[in-house]
Amino acid sequence: MNNEKFHSERRIGIGGSDIAAIFGLSNFQTAIDVYNSKVEEFEDEILAADDPRNIGKLCEPIILKIYEGKTGNRIVTDNTFIQSKQYPWMIGHVDGWLPDINKILEAKHVGFFSDKWGQSGTDGVPDAYLLQVAHYCLIASEFKEILGADIAALGNGNQFRIYHYNRNEKLEKAIIDRVKFFWHENVLAKIPPQPTTLNDLSRFWKSVEGKSITAPDSLYLKWSELSNVAKTISDLSEKENLLKAEIQKEMADAETLLDNMGNKIVSWKTQTKKLLDQRKLKEGFKQIYDDCCKESVSRIFRVVR
């Protein structure tokens, strides 16, 4: 599938990679990001070569091949776009079908297996992935018998695990309810969901009106707690810098510090990198500098202690 067609299909409903964000469980986007991607005209995001999402897409054929070799299960990779008939705002792009065992297959490149992953052969996958395959299963079940999903996960160091999702009616009902509300009450109504992160908040209220408000008791208590947290962080940061300086003084020109078992506990290496001399560029090539400048508007939040 070409990239333009893929993104065009994604805008007509809620896809599997959107579900975790709507539930507040995504590492890559928030519900507001999903909302904006459905209601606003935007340029498709160009991912860096080493972006985890890009690497995952590139590794997908390899993961499917490894899975097929380990299990012997036949994989069908055509007709990967699915759309619910009963809930047309629920869509998905399935990595593969397993017609002989009535399952779908999801491929994941995970980098490393954190404590959010259980033992291979179980359903112990991060909640974001569990929601994704549950979403796909409930849509796909409208077209064929679907018993569940296999999640094939490839980690660094050639670690390969296979997890299983057996359909869960309660979970799938919760997905339908949450997505239905989001699609109708947010997307179609053009009412953005509530911001949940600092980045969301900075985009939600970009401009200011120059006014002041008096903090009610509840907000004053939050300011007081934040002020104390900020002071603690500042004190710890100062202590961290002092300890670093003392260690570096003892290390002198040594590159590594070892414990009494010979294990490396600190490294202090020389690095070289090139930085753009903006002043020199502006003075010698002003027009190029001006053409390359991009205005950025943001609100700065400072706590007065």
C-alpha atoms as a PDB file:
ATOM      1  CA  MET A   1       0.000   0.000   0.000  1.00  0.00           C
ATOM      2  CA  ASN A   2       1.358   3.428  -0.867  1.00  0.00           C
ATOM      3  CA  ASN A   3       1.796   5.984   1.885  1.00  0.00           C
ATOM      4  CA  GLU A   4      -0.825   8.419   0.548  1.00  0.00           C
ATOM      5  CA  LYS A   5      -3.513   5.715   0.390  1.00  0.00           C
ATOM      6  CA  PHE A   6      -2.614   4.500   3.883  1.00  0.00           C
ATOM      7  CA  HIS A   7      -2.992   7.973   5.447  1.00  0.00           C
ATOM      8  CA  SER A   8      -6.156   8.664   3.442  1.00  0.00           C
ATOM      9  CA  GLU A   9      -7.789   5.531   4.853  1.00  0.00           C
ATOM     10  CA  ARG A  10      -6.676   6.387   8.382  1.00  0.00           C
ATOM     11  CA  ARG A  11      -8.635   9.660   8.318  1.00  0.00           C
ATOM     12  CA  ILE A  12     -12.023   8.015   7.810  1.00  0.00           C
ATOM     13  CA  GLY A  13     -12.095   6.365  11.220  1.00  0.00           C
ATOM     14  CA  ILE A  14     -10.244   5.225  14.316  1.00  0.00           C
ATOM     15  CA  GLY A  15      -7.442   2.763  13.613  1.00  0.00           C
ATOM     16  CA  GLY A  16      -5.648   0.276  15.789  1.00  0.00           C
ATOM     17  CA  SER A  17      -2.683   2.557  16.476  1.00  0.00           C
ATOM     18  CA  ASP A  18      -5.127   5.267  17.637  1.00  0.00           C
ATOM     19  CA  ILE A  19      -6.794   3.167  20.324  1.00  0.00           C
ATOM     20  CA  ALA A  20      -4.037   3.350  22.916  1.00  0.00           C
ATOM     21  CA  ALA A  21      -3.903   7.146  22.602  1.00  0.00           C
ATOM     22  CA  ILE A  22      -7.650   7.452  23.160  1.00  0.00           C
ATOM     23  CA  PHE A  23      -7.261   5.339  26.305  1.00  0.00           C
ATOM     24  CA  GLY A  24      -4.270   7.450  27.384  1.00  0.00           C
ATOM     25  CA  LEU A  25      -1.797   4.565  27.010  1.00  0.00           C
ATOM     26  CA  SER A  26       0.265   5.518  23.956  1.00  0.00           C
ATOM     27  CA  ASN A  27       3.962   6.417  24.068  1.00  0.00           C
ATOM     28  CA  PHE A  28       3.704   8.223  20.732  1.00  0.00           C
ATOM     29  CA  GLN A  29       0.545  10.343  20.751  1.00  0.00           C
ATOM     30  CA  THR A  30      -2.342  11.619  22.860  1.00  0.00           C
ATOM     31  CA  ALA A  31      -6.082  11.738  22.242  1.00  0.00           C
ATOM     32  CA  ILE A  32      -5.691  15.324  21.013  1.00  0.00           C
ATOM     33  CA  ASP A  33      -3.132  14.148  18.441  1.00  0.00           C
ATOM     34  CA  VAL A  34      -5.638  11.592  17.175  1.00  0.00           C
ATOM     35  CA  TYR A  35      -8.393  14.211  17.128  1.00  0.00           C
ATOM     36  CA  ASN A  36      -6.246  16.630  15.113  1.00  0.00           C
ATOM     37  CA  SER A  37      -5.309  13.912  12.630  1.00  0.00           C
ATOM     38  CA  LYS A  38      -9.000  13.306  11.886  1.00  0.00           C
ATOM     39  CA  VAL A  39     -10.401  16.848  11.755  1.00  0.00           C
ATOM     40  CA  GLU A  40      -7.526  18.963  10.424  1.00  0.00           C
ATOM     41  CA  GLU A  41      -5.749  19.076   7.096  1.00  0.00           C
ATOM     42  CA  PHE A  42      -2.120  18.313   7.755  1.00  0.00           C
ATOM     43  CA  GLU A  43       0.991  17.150   5.996  1.00  0.00           C
ATOM     44  CA  ASP A  44       1.874  13.517   6.567  1.00  0.00           C
ATOM     45  CA  GLU A  45       4.558  13.230   9.231  1.00  0.00           C
ATOM     46  CA  ILE A  46       7.979  12.330   7.863  1.00  0.00           C
ATOM     47  CA  LEU A  47       9.555   9.952  10.332  1.00  0.00           C
ATOM     48  CA  ALA A  48      13.301   9.924  10.935  1.00  0.00           C
ATOM     49  CA  ALA A  49      15.115   6.842   9.671  1.00  0.00           C
ATOM     50  CA  ASP A  50      15.713   5.678  13.256  1.00  0.00           C
ATOM     51  CA  ASP A  51      12.215   6.460  14.541  1.00  0.00           C
ATOM     52  CA  PRO A  52      10.851   3.321  16.282  1.00  0.00           C
ATOM     53  CA  ARG A  53       7.693   3.454  14.151  1.00  0.00           C
ATOM     54  CA  ASN A  54       9.696   3.550  10.936  1.00  0.00           C
ATOM     55  CA  ILE A  55      11.984   0.737  12.070  1.00  0.00           C
ATOM     56  CA  GLY A  56       8.948  -1.333  13.018  1.00  0.00           C
ATOM     57  CA  LYS A  57       7.445  -0.933   9.547  1.00  0.00           C
ATOM     58  CA  LEU A  58      10.722  -1.872   7.870  1.00  0.00           C
ATOM     59  CA  CYS A  59      11.100  -4.953  10.069  1.00  0.00           C
ATOM     60  CA  GLU A  60       7.532  -6.163   9.550  1.00  0.00           C
ATOM     61  CA  PRO A  61       8.240  -8.530   6.591  1.00  0.00           C
ATOM     62  CA  ILE A  62      11.179 -10.039   8.509  1.00  0.00           C
ATOM     63  CA  ILE A  63       9.057 -10.607  11.605  1.00  0.00           C
ATOM     64  CA  LEU A  64       6.317 -12.272   9.555  1.00  0.00           C
ATOM     65  CA  LYS A  65       8.892 -14.524   7.899  1.00  0.00           C
ATOM     66  CA  ILE A  66      10.387 -15.566  11.257  1.00  0.00           C
ATOM     67  CA  TYR A  67       6.911 -16.260  12.659  1.00  0.00           C
ATOM     68  CA  GLU A  68       5.992 -18.377   9.649  1.00  0.00           C
ATOM     69  CA  GLY A  69       9.216 -20.363   9.965  1.00  0.00           C
ATOM     70  CA  LYS A  70       8.781 -20.974  13.708  1.00  0.00           C
ATOM     71  CA  THR A  71       5.102 -21.914  13.671  1.00  0.00           C
ATOM     72  CA  GLY A  72       4.432 -23.257  10.192  1.00  0.00           C
ATOM     73  CA  ASN A  73       1.245 -21.169  10.141  1.00  0.00           C
ATOM     74  CA  ARG A  74       0.279 -19.882   6.710  1.00  0.00           C
ATOM     75  CA  ILE A  75       0.143 -16.061   6.502  1.00  0.00           C
ATOM     76  CA  VAL A  76      -2.024 -14.098   4.067  1.00  0.00           C
ATOM     77  CA  THR A  77      -1.089 -10.430   3.691  1.00  0.00           C
ATOM     78  CA  ASP A  78      -3.644  -9.179   1.149  1.00  0.00           C
ATOM     79  CA  ASN A  79      -6.793  -7.195   2.026  1.00  0.00           C
ATOM     80  CA  THR A  80      -5.117  -5.740   5.105  1.00  0.00           C
ATOM     81  CA  PHE A  81      -7.471  -2.728   5.383  1.00  0.00           C
ATOM     82  CA  ILE A  82     -10.626  -3.536   7.330  1.00  0.00           C
ATOM     83  CA  GLN A  83     -13.643  -1.394   8.220  1.00  0.00           C
ATOM     84  CA  SER A  84     -16.507  -2.353  10.487  1.00  0.00           C
ATOM     85  CA  LYS A  85     -19.964  -2.556   8.916  1.00  0.00           C
ATOM     86  CA  GLN A  86     -21.724  -2.090  12.245  1.00  0.00           C
ATOM     87  CA  TYR A  87     -19.369   0.649  13.436  1.00  0.00           C
ATOM     88  CA  PRO A  88     -17.992   2.225  10.221  1.00  0.00           C
ATOM     89  CA  TRP A  89     -15.816   4.628  12.208  1.00  0.00           C
ATOM     90  CA  MET A  90     -13.743   1.654  13.392  1.00  0.00           C
ATOM     91  CA  ILE A  91     -11.009   0.715  10.934  1.00  0.00           C
ATOM     92  CA  GLY A  92      -7.678  -1.053  10.902  1.00  0.00           C
ATOM     93  CA  HIS A  93      -4.678  -2.235   8.914  1.00  0.00           C
ATOM     94  CA  VAL A  94      -3.932  -5.861   9.725  1.00  0.00           C
ATOM     95  CA  ASP A  95      -0.347  -7.095   9.306  1.00  0.00           C
ATOM     96  CA  GLY A  96      -1.429 -10.598   8.352  1.00  0.00           C
ATOM     97  CA  TRP A  97      -4.195 -13.189   8.424  1.00  0.00           C
ATOM     98  CA  LEU A  98      -3.820 -16.728   9.769  1.00  0.00           C
ATOM     99  CA  PRO A  99      -6.710 -18.439   7.944  1.00  0.00           C
ATOM    100  CA  ASP A 100      -5.877 -21.983   9.050  1.00  0.00           C
ATOM    101  CA  ILE A 101      -6.249 -21.158  12.756  1.00  0.00           C
ATOM    102  CA  ASN A 102      -8.800 -18.316  12.412  1.00  0.00           C
ATOM    103  CA  LYS A 103      -6.564 -15.599  13.828  1.00  0.00           C
ATOM    104  CA  ILE A 104      -4.972 -12.341  12.801  1.00  0.00           C
ATOM    105  CA  LEU A 105      -1.246 -11.645  13.128  1.00  0.00           C
ATOM    106  CA  GLU A 106       0.366  -8.464  14.447  1.00  0.00           C
ATOM    107  CA  ALA A 107       4.117  -7.874  14.032  1.00  0.00           C
ATOM    108  CA  LYS A 108       6.053  -5.733  16.527  1.00  0.00           C
ATOM    109  CA  HIS A 109       9.671  -4.619  16.672  1.00  0.00           C
ATOM    110  CA  VAL A 110      10.082  -3.732  20.342  1.00  0.00           C
ATOM    111  CA  GLY A 111      13.747  -2.840  20.750  1.00  0.00           C
ATOM    112  CA  PHE A 112      13.982  -4.542  24.138  1.00  0.00           C
ATOM    113  CA  PHE A 113      11.521  -6.488  26.257  1.00  0.00           C
ATOM    114  CA  SER A 114      10.702  -4.388  29.325  1.00  0.00           C
ATOM    115  CA  ASP A 115       8.862  -5.624  32.405  1.00  0.00           C
ATOM    116  CA  LYS A 116       5.627  -4.791  30.585  1.00  0.00           C
ATOM    117  CA  TRP A 117       6.149  -7.971  28.553  1.00  0.00           C
ATOM    118  CA  GLY A 118       5.329 -11.361  30.029  1.00  0.00           C
ATOM    119  CA  GLN A 119       6.559 -14.797  29.090  1.00  0.00           C
ATOM    120  CA  SER A 120       6.422 -15.888  25.461  1.00  0.00           C
ATOM    121  CA  GLY A 121       3.313 -17.960  24.781  1.00  0.00           C
ATOM    122  CA  THR A 122       1.102 -15.913  27.111  1.00  0.00           C
ATOM    123  CA  ASP A 123      -1.066 -12.830  26.583  1.00  0.00           C
ATOM    124  CA  GLY A 124       1.501 -10.696  28.460  1.00  0.00           C
ATOM    125  CA  VAL A 125       1.880  -7.787  26.053  1.00  0.00           C
ATOM    126  CA  PRO A 126       1.731  -4.060  26.898  1.00  0.00           C
ATOM    127  CA  ASP A 127      -1.823  -2.728  27.191  1.00  0.00           C
ATOM    128  CA  ALA A 128      -1.407  -0.572  24.075  1.00  0.00           C
ATOM    129  CA  TYR A 129      -0.797  -3.648  21.908  1.00  0.00           C
ATOM    130  CA  LEU A 130      -3.551  -5.635  23.603  1.00  0.00           C
ATOM    131  CA  LEU A 131      -6.038  -2.880  22.782  1.00  0.00           C
ATOM    132  CA  GLN A 132      -4.798  -2.764  19.196  1.00  0.00           C
ATOM    133  CA  VAL A 133      -5.285  -6.468  18.441  1.00  0.00           C
ATOM    134  CA  ALA A 134      -8.607  -6.555  20.300  1.00  0.00           C
ATOM    135  CA  HIS A 135      -9.749  -3.674  18.086  1.00  0.00           C
ATOM    136  CA  TYR A 136      -8.710  -5.583  14.947  1.00  0.00           C
ATOM    137  CA  CYS A 137     -10.365  -8.809  16.093  1.00  0.00           C
ATOM    138  CA  LEU A 138     -13.755  -7.262  16.751  1.00  0.00           C
ATOM    139  CA  ILE A 139     -13.774  -5.645  13.284  1.00  0.00           C
ATOM    140  CA  ALA A 140     -12.434  -8.701  11.453  1.00  0.00           C
ATOM    141  CA  SER A 141     -14.994 -10.972  13.139  1.00  0.00           C
ATOM    142  CA  GLU A 142     -17.721  -9.304  11.053  1.00  0.00           C
ATOM    143  CA  PHE A 143     -16.182 -10.842   7.916  1.00  0.00           C
ATOM    144  CA  LYS A 144     -14.874 -14.234   9.071  1.00  0.00           C
ATOM    145  CA  GLU A 145     -14.535 -16.367  12.158  1.00  0.00           C
ATOM    146  CA  ILE A 146     -11.803 -14.864  14.336  1.00  0.00           C
ATOM    147  CA  LEU A 147     -10.750 -16.594  17.548  1.00  0.00           C
ATOM    148  CA  GLY A 148      -8.017 -14.161  18.505  1.00  0.00           C
ATOM    149  CA  ALA A 149      -4.625 -12.862  17.472  1.00  0.00           C
ATOM    150  CA  ASP A 150      -0.966 -13.789  17.595  1.00  0.00           C
ATOM    151  CA  ILE A 151       1.535 -11.022  18.351  1.00  0.00           C
ATOM    152  CA  ALA A 152       4.988 -11.750  16.917  1.00  0.00           C
ATOM    153  CA  ALA A 153       7.569  -9.578  18.668  1.00  0.00           C
ATOM    154  CA  LEU A 154      11.207  -9.118  17.681  1.00  0.00           C
ATOM    155  CA  GLY A 155      13.621  -7.582  20.173  1.00  0.00           C
ATOM    156  CA  ASN A 156      17.267  -6.608  20.029  1.00  0.00           C
ATOM    157  CA  GLY A 157      19.779  -9.429  20.003  1.00  0.00           C
ATOM    158  CA  ASN A 158      17.492 -11.594  17.850  1.00  0.00           C
ATOM    159  CA  GLN A 159      15.053 -12.180  20.705  1.00  0.00           C
ATOM    160  CA  PHE A 160      11.804 -13.441  19.232  1.00  0.00           C
ATOM    161  CA  ARG A 161       8.623 -14.093  21.160  1.00  0.00           C
ATOM    162  CA  ILE A 162       5.076 -15.028  20.225  1.00  0.00           C
ATOM    163  CA  TYR A 163       2.108 -13.929  22.339  1.00  0.00           C
ATOM    164  CA  HIS A 164      -1.548 -14.880  22.064  1.00  0.00           C
ATOM    165  CA  TYR A 165      -4.738 -12.871  22.497  1.00  0.00           C
ATOM    166  CA  ASN A 166      -7.934 -14.837  22.980  1.00  0.00           C
ATOM    167  CA  ARG A 167     -10.963 -12.692  22.307  1.00  0.00           C
ATOM    168  CA  ASN A 168     -12.305 -10.880  25.360  1.00  0.00           C
ATOM    169  CA  GLU A 169     -15.888  -9.686  25.001  1.00  0.00           C
ATOM    170  CA  LYS A 170     -15.680  -7.283  27.943  1.00  0.00           C
ATOM    171  CA  LEU A 171     -12.526  -5.614  26.600  1.00  0.00           C
ATOM    172  CA  GLU A 172     -13.895  -5.325  23.084  1.00  0.00           C
ATOM    173  CA  LYS A 173     -17.138  -3.813  24.397  1.00  0.00           C
ATOM    174  CA  ALA A 174     -15.111  -1.205  26.300  1.00  0.00           C
ATOM    175  CA  ILE A 175     -13.247  -0.347  23.077  1.00  0.00           C
ATOM    176  CA  ILE A 176     -16.490   0.084  21.148  1.00  0.00           C
ATOM    177  CA  ASP A 177     -17.938   2.381  23.826  1.00  0.00           C
ATOM    178  CA  ARG A 178     -14.806   4.544  24.138  1.00  0.00           C
ATOM    179  CA  VAL A 179     -14.226   4.854  20.393  1.00  0.00           C
ATOM    180  CA  LYS A 180     -17.910   5.541  19.690  1.00  0.00           C
ATOM    181  CA  PHE A 181     -17.908   8.396  22.178  1.00  0.00           C
ATOM    182  CA  PHE A 182     -14.632   9.807  20.830  1.00  0.00           C
ATOM    183  CA  TRP A 183     -15.786   9.676  17.201  1.00  0.00           C
ATOM    184  CA  HIS A 184     -19.214  11.210  17.755  1.00  0.00           C
ATOM    185  CA  GLU A 185     -18.651  13.554  20.705  1.00  0.00           C
ATOM    186  CA  ASN A 186     -15.193  14.766  19.710  1.00  0.00           C
ATOM    187  CA  VAL A 187     -14.372  14.190  16.031  1.00  0.00           C
ATOM    188  CA  LEU A 188     -17.808  14.709  14.435  1.00  0.00           C
ATOM    189  CA  ALA A 189     -18.789  17.393  16.944  1.00  0.00           C
ATOM    190  CA  LYS A 190     -15.434  19.155  16.351  1.00  0.00           C
ATOM    191  CA  ILE A 191     -14.876  19.348  20.120  1.00  0.00           C
ATOM    192  CA  PRO A 192     -11.317  18.397  21.088  1.00  0.00           C
ATOM    193  CA  PRO A 193     -10.843  16.027  24.038  1.00  0.00           C
ATOM    194  CA  GLN A 194      -9.404  17.367  27.257  1.00  0.00           C
ATOM    195  CA  PRO A 195      -5.620  17.904  27.181  1.00  0.00           C
ATOM    196  CA  THR A 196      -3.644  15.387  29.220  1.00  0.00           C
ATOM    197  CA  THR A 197       0.012  16.377  28.742  1.00  0.00           C
ATOM    198  CA  LEU A 198       2.060  19.577  28.928  1.00  0.00           C
ATOM    199  CA  ASN A 199       2.426  19.479  25.148  1.00  0.00           C
ATOM    200  CA  ASP A 200      -1.344  19.187  24.741  1.00  0.00           C
ATOM    201  CA  LEU A 201      -1.901  22.129  27.065  1.00  0.00           C
ATOM    202  CA  SER A 202       0.608  24.355  25.256  1.00  0.00           C
ATOM    203  CA  ARG A 203      -1.205  23.723  21.969  1.00  0.00           C
ATOM    204  CA  PHE A 204      -4.677  23.954  23.512  1.00  0.00           C
ATOM    205  CA  TRP A 205      -4.141  27.475  24.863  1.00  0.00           C
ATOM    206  CA  LYS A 206      -1.516  28.969  22.582  1.00  0.00           C
ATOM    207  CA  SER A 207      -2.368  32.622  23.153  1.00  0.00           C
ATOM    208  CA  VAL A 208      -2.853  34.754  26.254  1.00  0.00           C
ATOM    209  CA  GLU A 209      -5.196  37.619  27.037  1.00  0.00           C
ATOM    210  CA  GLY A 210      -2.922  39.442  29.472  1.00  0.00           C
ATOM    211  CA  LYS A 211      -5.240  38.902  32.402  1.00  0.00           C
ATOM    212  CA  SER A 212      -4.606  37.548  35.901  1.00  0.00           C
ATOM    213  CA  ILE A 213      -6.687  35.216  38.016  1.00  0.00           C
ATOM    214  CA  THR A 214      -6.679  34.739  41.782  1.00  0.00           C
ATOM    215  CA  ALA A 215      -5.882  31.169  42.805  1.00  0.00           C
ATOM    216  CA  PRO A 216      -8.639  29.422  44.777  1.00  0.00           C
ATOM    217  CA  ASP A 217      -7.481  27.353  47.753  1.00  0.00           C
ATOM    218  CA  SER A 218      -7.287  24.112  45.713  1.00  0.00           C
ATOM    219  CA  LEU A 219      -5.089  25.740  43.045  1.00  0.00           C
ATOM    220  CA  TYR A 220      -2.927  27.485  45.643  1.00  0.00           C
ATOM    221  CA  LEU A 221      -2.210  24.117  47.267  1.00  0.00           C
ATOM    222  CA  LYS A 222      -1.123  22.722  43.890  1.00  0.00           C
ATOM    223  CA  TRP A 223       1.185  25.715  43.381  1.00  0.00           C
ATOM    224  CA  SER A 224       2.639  25.197  46.865  1.00  0.00           C
ATOM    225  CA  GLU A 225       3.296  21.518  46.175  1.00  0.00           C
ATOM    226  CA  LEU A 226       4.814  22.304  42.767  1.00  0.00           C
ATOM    227  CA  SER A 227       7.038  24.956  44.311  1.00  0.00           C
ATOM    228  CA  ASN A 228       8.332  22.450  46.868  1.00  0.00           C
ATOM    229  CA  VAL A 229       8.941  19.841  44.163  1.00  0.00           C
ATOM    230  CA  ALA A 230      10.810  22.384  42.028  1.00  0.00           C
ATOM    231  CA  LYS A 231      13.026  23.334  45.007  1.00  0.00           C
ATOM    232  CA  THR A 232      13.768  19.679  45.751  1.00  0.00           C
ATOM    233  CA  ILE A 233      14.744  19.087  42.119  1.00  0.00           C
ATOM    234  CA  SER A 234      16.949  22.182  42.177  1.00  0.00           C
ATOM    235  CA  ASP A 235      18.661  21.042  45.382  1.00  0.00           C
ATOM    236  CA  LEU A 236      19.185  17.526  44.032  1.00  0.00           C
ATOM    237  CA  SER A 237      20.527  18.897  40.751  1.00  0.00           C
ATOM    238  CA  GLU A 238      23.048  21.018  42.629  1.00  0.00           C
ATOM    239  CA  LYS A 239      24.096  18.002  44.710  1.00  0.00           C
ATOM    240  CA  GLU A 240      24.377  15.901  41.536  1.00  0.00           C
ATOM    241  CA  ASN A 241      26.716  18.457  39.963  1.00  0.00           C
ATOM    242  CA  LEU A 242      28.908  18.606  43.093  1.00  0.00           C
ATOM    243  CA  LEU A 243      29.232  14.803  43.200  1.00  0.00           C
ATOM    244  CA  LYS A 244      30.069  14.720  39.485  1.00  0.00           C
ATOM    245  CA  ALA A 245      32.768  17.339  40.008  1.00  0.00           C
ATOM    246  CA  GLU A 246      34.310  15.381  42.908  1.00  0.00           C
ATOM    247  CA  ILE A 247      34.357  12.147  40.901  1.00  0.00           C
ATOM    248  CA  GLN A 248      35.805  13.852  37.825  1.00  0.00           C
ATOM    249  CA  LYS A 249      38.525  15.457  39.944  1.00  0.00           C
ATOM    250  CA  GLU A 250      39.605  12.029  41.212  1.00  0.00           C
ATOM    251  CA  MET A 251      39.426  10.468  37.734  1.00  0.00           C
ATOM    252  CA  ALA A 252      41.620  13.205  36.210  1.00  0.00           C
ATOM    253  CA  ASP A 253      42.627  11.876  32.757  1.00  0.00           C
ATOM    254  CA  ALA A 254      41.142   8.386  33.268  1.00  0.00           C
ATOM    255  CA  GLU A 255      38.357   7.406  30.858  1.00  0.00           C
ATOM    256  CA  THR A 256      36.534   4.866  33.049  1.00  0.00           C
ATOM    257  CA  LEU A 257      35.922   4.205  36.728  1.00  0.00           C
ATOM    258  CA  LEU A 258      35.678   0.591  37.944  1.00  0.00           C
ATOM    259  CA  ASP A 259      34.263  -0.966  41.097  1.00  0.00           C
ATOM    260  CA  ASN A 260      36.314  -3.457  43.156  1.00  0.00           C
ATOM    261  CA  MET A 261      35.032  -6.307  40.949  1.00  0.00           C
ATOM    262  CA  GLY A 262      36.327  -4.671  37.793  1.00  0.00           C
ATOM    263  CA  ASN A 263      32.891  -3.579  36.531  1.00  0.00           C
ATOM    264  CA  LYS A 264      32.645  -0.209  34.785  1.00  0.00           C
ATOM    265  CA  ILE A 265      30.532   2.204  36.829  1.00  0.00           C
ATOM    266  CA  VAL A 266      31.415   5.562  35.226  1.00  0.00           C
ATOM    267  CA  SER A 267      32.715   6.633  31.827  1.00  0.00           C
ATOM    268  CA  TRP A 268      34.133  10.072  31.014  1.00  0.00           C
ATOM    269  CA  LYS A 269      34.983  10.133  27.338  1.00  0.00           C
ATOM    270  CA  THR A 270      35.924  12.871  24.908  1.00  0.00           C
ATOM    271  CA  GLN A 271      33.336  13.628  22.253  1.00  0.00           C
ATOM    272  CA  THR A 272      33.560  15.843  19.202  1.00  0.00           C
ATOM    273  CA  LYS A 273      30.572  17.303  17.390  1.00  0.00           C
ATOM    274  CA  LYS A 274      30.001  20.093  14.937  1.00  0.00           C
ATOM    275  CA  LEU A 275      27.646  22.944  15.818  1.00  0.00           C
ATOM    276  CA  LEU A 276      26.243  25.603  13.533  1.00  0.00           C
ATOM    277  CA  ASP A 277      27.746  29.035  14.193  1.00  0.00           C
ATOM    278  CA  GLN A 278      24.543  31.037  13.817  1.00  0.00           C
ATOM    279  CA  ARG A 279      26.239  34.399  14.365  1.00  0.00           C
ATOM    280  CA  LYS A 280      28.781  33.738  11.600  1.00  0.00           C
ATOM    281  CA  LEU A 281      26.068  32.466   9.261  1.00  0.00           C
ATOM    282  CA  LYS A 282      23.905  35.531   9.913  1.00  0.00           C
ATOM    283  CA  GLU A 283      26.796  37.939   9.328  1.00  0.00           C
ATOM    284  CA  GLY A 284      28.130  36.296   6.154  1.00  0.00           C
ATOM    285  CA  PHE A 285      24.970  34.891   4.577  1.00  0.00           C
ATOM    286  CA  LYS A 286      22.110  36.969   5.947  1.00  0.00           C
ATOM    287  CA  GLN A 287      19.618  36.136   3.180  1.00  0.00           C
ATOM    288  CA  ILE A 288      20.186  32.398   3.570  1.00  0.00           C
ATOM    289  CA  TYR A 289      19.911  32.769   7.350  1.00  0.00           C
ATOM    290  CA  ASP A 290      16.618  34.686   7.035  1.00  0.00           C
ATOM    291  CA  ASP A 291      15.223  32.172   4.520  1.00  0.00           C
ATOM    292  CA  CYS A 292      16.016  29.282   6.845  1.00  0.00           C
ATOM    293  CA  CYS A 293      14.609  30.865  10.002  1.00  0.00           C
ATOM    294  CA  LYS A 294      11.290  29.524  11.244  1.00  0.00           C
ATOM    295  CA  GLU A 295       9.172  31.396  13.756  1.00  0.00           C
ATOM    296  CA  SER A 296       8.065  29.440  16.783  1.00  0.00           C
ATOM    297  CA  VAL A 297       5.445  30.660  19.249  1.00  0.00           C
ATOM    298  CA  SER A 298       5.112  29.077  22.674  1.00  0.00           C
ATOM    299  CA  ARG A 299       4.041  29.924  26.200  1.00  0.00           C
ATOM    300  CA  ILE A 300       6.676  29.737  28.933  1.00  0.00           C
ATOM    301  CA  PHE A 301       5.522  28.445  32.313  1.00  0.00           C
ATOM    302  CA  ARG A 302       7.583  29.647  35.287  1.00  0.00           C
ATOM    303  CA  VAL A 303       6.951  29.020  38.955  1.00  0.00           C
ATOM    304  CA  VAL A 304       7.614  31.993  41.241  1.00  0.00           C
ATOM    305  CA  ARG A 305       8.863  30.743  44.593  1.00  0.00           C
END
